[in-house]
């Protein structure tokens, strides 16, 4: 794995982790749309689509600009599940 790939992976993982920590600490009251965006960013991280993941996190961090009016999530969101999934993706990448 090259250094730029490691750097891109680390940066995106840290950005996702930062938002998840704010949610767990109660500093952020997330919307369903933000949950979906973070989930998509984790998928992008897992698939090494780092630029797409960064754009997705930019949207998640600025819901007033990007969140569609009346957005309804089809399933139930669980921020702790996302935190666990992020940890698994990061650990898997570290194994290489």
N, C-alpha and C. Protein backbone atom coordinates (compact mmCIF):
# COMPACT_ATOMS: atom_id res chain seq x y z
N UNK A 1 0.86 -1.17 0.00
CA UNK A 1 0.00 0.00 0.00
C UNK A 1 0.91 1.24 0.00
N UNK A 2 0.58 2.19 -0.86
CA UNK A 2 1.41 3.39 -0.97
C UNK A 2 1.07 4.40 0.12
N UNK A 3 1.99 5.30 0.34
CA UNK A 3 1.79 6.33 1.36
C UNK A 3 0.58 7.21 1.07
N UNK A 4 0.34 7.66 -0.18
CA UNK A 4 -0.86 8.47 -0.42
C UNK A 4 -2.17 7.73 -0.10
N UNK A 5 -2.19 6.44 -0.36
CA UNK A 5 -3.39 5.67 -0.04
C UNK A 5 -3.57 5.58 1.47
N UNK A 6 -2.50 5.34 2.18
CA UNK A 6 -2.57 5.29 3.65
C UNK A 6 -3.04 6.63 4.21
N UNK A 7 -2.50 7.70 3.66
CA UNK A 7 -2.87 9.04 4.14
C UNK A 7 -4.34 9.34 3.86
N UNK A 8 -4.80 9.01 2.66
CA UNK A 8 -6.21 9.25 2.31
C UNK A 8 -7.12 8.41 3.19
N UNK A 9 -6.75 7.16 3.44
CA UNK A 9 -7.55 6.29 4.30
C UNK A 9 -7.61 6.84 5.73
N UNK A 10 -6.46 7.22 6.24
CA UNK A 10 -6.40 7.76 7.60
C UNK A 10 -7.23 9.04 7.73
N UNK A 11 -7.10 9.94 6.77
CA UNK A 11 -7.83 11.21 6.84
C UNK A 11 -9.34 11.00 6.82
N UNK A 12 -9.82 10.13 5.94
CA UNK A 12 -11.25 9.88 5.87
C UNK A 12 -11.73 9.18 7.14
N UNK A 13 -10.98 8.20 7.61
CA UNK A 13 -11.36 7.49 8.84
C UNK A 13 -11.43 8.45 10.02
N UNK A 14 -10.47 9.37 10.11
CA UNK A 14 -10.48 10.34 11.20
C UNK A 14 -11.68 11.29 11.10
N UNK A 15 -12.03 11.67 9.89
CA UNK A 15 -13.17 12.57 9.70
C UNK A 15 -14.48 11.90 10.12
N UNK A 16 -14.64 10.64 9.73
CA UNK A 16 -15.83 9.88 10.12
C UNK A 16 -15.85 9.69 11.64
N UNK A 17 -14.72 9.29 12.18
CA UNK A 17 -14.61 9.06 13.62
C UNK A 17 -14.93 10.33 14.42
N UNK A 18 -14.48 11.46 13.93
CA UNK A 18 -14.74 12.73 14.61
C UNK A 18 -16.24 12.99 14.74
N UNK A 19 -16.99 12.75 13.66
CA UNK A 19 -18.43 12.96 13.72
C UNK A 19 -19.09 11.96 14.66
N UNK A 20 -18.67 10.71 14.59
CA UNK A 20 -19.26 9.69 15.46
C UNK A 20 -18.99 9.99 16.94
N UNK A 21 -17.80 10.49 17.24
CA UNK A 21 -17.48 10.85 18.63
C UNK A 21 -18.36 12.00 19.13
N UNK A 22 -18.63 12.96 18.27
CA UNK A 22 -19.52 14.07 18.64
C UNK A 22 -20.92 13.56 18.95
N UNK A 23 -21.38 12.59 18.19
CA UNK A 23 -22.71 12.02 18.42
C UNK A 23 -22.74 11.29 19.76
N UNK A 24 -21.74 10.44 20.00
CA UNK A 24 -21.69 9.67 21.23
C UNK A 24 -21.58 10.59 22.45
N UNK A 25 -20.83 11.67 22.32
CA UNK A 25 -20.64 12.62 23.43
C UNK A 25 -21.86 13.52 23.64
N UNK A 26 -22.81 13.47 22.72
CA UNK A 26 -24.00 14.30 22.83
C UNK A 26 -23.81 15.72 22.32
N UNK A 27 -22.70 15.98 21.66
CA UNK A 27 -22.42 17.31 21.13
C UNK A 27 -23.10 17.55 19.78
N UNK A 28 -23.62 16.48 19.18
CA UNK A 28 -24.28 16.58 17.88
C UNK A 28 -25.56 15.77 17.91
N UNK A 29 -26.64 16.38 17.52
CA UNK A 29 -27.92 15.67 17.38
C UNK A 29 -28.11 15.38 15.89
N UNK A 30 -27.73 14.19 15.45
CA UNK A 30 -27.73 13.88 14.02
C UNK A 30 -29.13 13.64 13.46
N UNK A 31 -29.22 13.87 12.17
CA UNK A 31 -30.47 13.58 11.46
C UNK A 31 -30.35 12.22 10.79
N UNK A 32 -31.48 11.70 10.34
CA UNK A 32 -31.45 10.43 9.60
C UNK A 32 -30.60 10.56 8.34
N UNK A 33 -30.68 11.71 7.70
CA UNK A 33 -29.91 11.94 6.48
C UNK A 33 -28.41 11.89 6.78
N UNK A 34 -27.99 12.49 7.89
CA UNK A 34 -26.58 12.44 8.26
C UNK A 34 -26.14 11.00 8.51
N UNK A 35 -26.99 10.21 9.14
CA UNK A 35 -26.69 8.80 9.37
C UNK A 35 -26.43 8.09 8.04
N UNK A 36 -27.29 8.33 7.07
CA UNK A 36 -27.11 7.71 5.76
C UNK A 36 -25.81 8.17 5.09
N UNK A 37 -25.48 9.44 5.25
CA UNK A 37 -24.26 9.96 4.65
C UNK A 37 -23.02 9.33 5.29
N UNK A 38 -23.03 9.19 6.61
CA UNK A 38 -21.89 8.57 7.30
C UNK A 38 -21.77 7.10 6.88
N UNK A 39 -22.89 6.44 6.76
CA UNK A 39 -22.87 5.04 6.32
C UNK A 39 -22.27 4.93 4.91
N UNK A 40 -22.63 5.85 4.02
CA UNK A 40 -22.08 5.86 2.67
C UNK A 40 -20.58 6.17 2.68
N UNK A 41 -20.16 7.05 3.57
CA UNK A 41 -18.73 7.39 3.67
C UNK A 41 -17.92 6.18 4.16
N UNK A 42 -18.48 5.42 5.08
CA UNK A 42 -17.79 4.21 5.56
C UNK A 42 -17.68 3.20 4.41
N UNK A 43 -18.73 3.06 3.61
CA UNK A 43 -18.67 2.16 2.46
C UNK A 43 -17.60 2.63 1.46
N UNK A 44 -17.51 3.94 1.25
CA UNK A 44 -16.49 4.48 0.35
C UNK A 44 -15.09 4.20 0.90
N UNK A 45 -14.92 4.33 2.20
CA UNK A 45 -13.63 4.03 2.84
C UNK A 45 -13.27 2.57 2.63
N UNK A 46 -14.23 1.72 2.83
CA UNK A 46 -14.00 0.28 2.69
C UNK A 46 -13.60 -0.09 1.26
N UNK A 47 -14.19 0.63 0.29
CA UNK A 47 -13.93 0.34 -1.12
C UNK A 47 -12.81 1.21 -1.70
N UNK A 48 -12.12 1.95 -0.83
CA UNK A 48 -11.00 2.81 -1.20
C UNK A 48 -11.40 3.89 -2.22
N UNK A 49 -12.59 4.41 -2.09
CA UNK A 49 -13.06 5.55 -2.89
C UNK A 49 -13.00 6.78 -1.98
N UNK A 50 -11.78 7.22 -1.70
CA UNK A 50 -11.54 8.22 -0.67
C UNK A 50 -12.11 9.59 -1.02
N UNK A 51 -11.96 10.02 -2.27
CA UNK A 51 -12.47 11.34 -2.66
C UNK A 51 -13.99 11.38 -2.52
N UNK A 52 -14.65 10.32 -2.92
CA UNK A 52 -16.10 10.25 -2.77
C UNK A 52 -16.50 10.27 -1.29
N UNK A 53 -15.75 9.56 -0.47
CA UNK A 53 -16.02 9.54 0.96
C UNK A 53 -15.84 10.91 1.59
N UNK A 54 -14.83 11.65 1.15
CA UNK A 54 -14.61 13.00 1.66
C UNK A 54 -15.76 13.93 1.26
N UNK A 55 -16.22 13.82 0.02
CA UNK A 55 -17.37 14.64 -0.42
C UNK A 55 -18.62 14.29 0.38
N UNK A 56 -18.81 13.02 0.62
CA UNK A 56 -19.97 12.58 1.39
C UNK A 56 -19.92 13.13 2.80
N UNK A 57 -18.75 13.11 3.42
CA UNK A 57 -18.62 13.65 4.77
C UNK A 57 -18.80 15.17 4.78
N UNK A 58 -18.37 15.83 3.74
CA UNK A 58 -18.60 17.28 3.65
C UNK A 58 -20.09 17.59 3.68
N UNK A 59 -20.85 16.80 2.95
CA UNK A 59 -22.31 16.98 2.96
C UNK A 59 -22.88 16.64 4.33
N UNK A 60 -22.41 15.58 4.95
CA UNK A 60 -22.93 15.18 6.26
C UNK A 60 -22.64 16.24 7.32
N UNK A 61 -21.52 16.91 7.20
CA UNK A 61 -21.14 17.92 8.19
C UNK A 61 -21.91 19.24 8.00
N UNK A 62 -22.53 19.41 6.85
CA UNK A 62 -23.27 20.65 6.56
C UNK A 62 -24.70 20.34 6.12
N UNK A 63 -25.49 19.75 6.99
CA UNK A 63 -26.84 19.35 6.58
C UNK A 63 -27.73 20.53 6.19
N UNK A 64 -27.49 21.70 6.75
CA UNK A 64 -28.32 22.86 6.39
C UNK A 64 -28.18 23.22 4.92
N UNK A 65 -27.05 22.88 4.33
CA UNK A 65 -26.83 23.16 2.91
C UNK A 65 -27.28 22.02 2.00
N UNK A 66 -27.12 20.79 2.46
CA UNK A 66 -27.29 19.65 1.56
C UNK A 66 -28.48 18.73 1.85
N UNK A 67 -28.97 18.71 3.06
CA UNK A 67 -30.02 17.75 3.39
C UNK A 67 -31.32 18.08 2.66
N UNK A 68 -31.89 17.11 1.95
CA UNK A 68 -33.16 17.35 1.26
C UNK A 68 -34.29 17.58 2.27
N UNK A 69 -35.19 18.46 1.93
CA UNK A 69 -36.34 18.73 2.80
C UNK A 69 -37.22 17.48 2.89
N UNK A 70 -37.65 17.16 4.09
CA UNK A 70 -38.56 16.04 4.30
C UNK A 70 -37.91 14.68 4.14
N UNK A 71 -36.61 14.57 4.29
CA UNK A 71 -35.91 13.30 4.13
C UNK A 71 -36.38 12.30 5.17
N UNK A 72 -36.70 11.08 4.73
CA UNK A 72 -37.13 10.02 5.63
C UNK A 72 -36.27 8.79 5.36
N UNK A 73 -35.67 8.29 6.40
CA UNK A 73 -34.83 7.09 6.30
C UNK A 73 -35.73 5.87 6.29
N UNK A 74 -35.41 4.91 5.47
CA UNK A 74 -36.24 3.71 5.36
C UNK A 74 -36.05 2.76 6.53
N UNK A 75 -34.84 2.70 7.09
CA UNK A 75 -34.57 1.80 8.20
C UNK A 75 -34.31 2.57 9.47
N UNK A 76 -33.84 1.86 10.47
CA UNK A 76 -33.49 2.51 11.73
C UNK A 76 -31.99 2.70 11.79
N UNK A 77 -31.58 3.85 12.29
CA UNK A 77 -30.16 4.14 12.37
C UNK A 77 -29.57 3.82 13.72
N UNK A 78 -28.34 3.40 13.72
CA UNK A 78 -27.66 3.09 14.97
C UNK A 78 -26.22 3.60 14.85
N UNK A 79 -25.92 4.69 15.53
CA UNK A 79 -24.59 5.28 15.45
C UNK A 79 -23.53 4.35 16.02
N UNK A 80 -23.85 3.60 17.04
CA UNK A 80 -22.85 2.68 17.61
C UNK A 80 -22.49 1.58 16.63
N UNK A 81 -23.47 1.11 15.87
CA UNK A 81 -23.19 0.11 14.84
C UNK A 81 -22.24 0.68 13.80
N UNK A 82 -22.45 1.94 13.43
CA UNK A 82 -21.56 2.58 12.46
C UNK A 82 -20.15 2.73 13.03
N UNK A 83 -20.04 3.08 14.30
CA UNK A 83 -18.72 3.19 14.94
C UNK A 83 -18.01 1.84 14.93
N UNK A 84 -18.75 0.77 15.20
CA UNK A 84 -18.16 -0.57 15.17
C UNK A 84 -17.73 -0.95 13.76
N UNK A 85 -18.55 -0.59 12.77
CA UNK A 85 -18.21 -0.90 11.38
C UNK A 85 -16.97 -0.13 10.95
N UNK A 86 -16.88 1.15 11.34
CA UNK A 86 -15.70 1.94 11.02
C UNK A 86 -14.46 1.28 11.62
N UNK A 87 -14.54 0.88 12.86
CA UNK A 87 -13.40 0.23 13.53
C UNK A 87 -12.98 -1.03 12.79
N UNK A 88 -13.94 -1.83 12.34
CA UNK A 88 -13.63 -3.06 11.61
C UNK A 88 -12.93 -2.75 10.28
N UNK A 89 -13.39 -1.73 9.58
CA UNK A 89 -12.78 -1.36 8.30
C UNK A 89 -11.35 -0.88 8.52
N UNK A 90 -11.13 -0.07 9.54
CA UNK A 90 -9.79 0.44 9.83
C UNK A 90 -8.86 -0.71 10.23
N UNK A 91 -9.34 -1.62 11.05
CA UNK A 91 -8.51 -2.75 11.48
C UNK A 91 -8.17 -3.66 10.30
N UNK A 92 -9.13 -3.86 9.41
CA UNK A 92 -8.90 -4.70 8.24
C UNK A 92 -7.83 -4.08 7.34
N UNK A 93 -7.88 -2.77 7.17
CA UNK A 93 -6.90 -2.08 6.35
C UNK A 93 -5.52 -2.14 6.98
N UNK A 94 -5.45 -2.09 8.30
CA UNK A 94 -4.17 -2.13 9.00
C UNK A 94 -3.50 -3.49 8.87
N UNK A 95 -4.29 -4.51 8.62
CA UNK A 95 -3.75 -5.86 8.51
C UNK A 95 -2.93 -6.04 7.21
N UNK A 96 -3.14 -5.18 6.24
CA UNK A 96 -2.43 -5.31 4.96
C UNK A 96 -1.08 -4.70 5.03
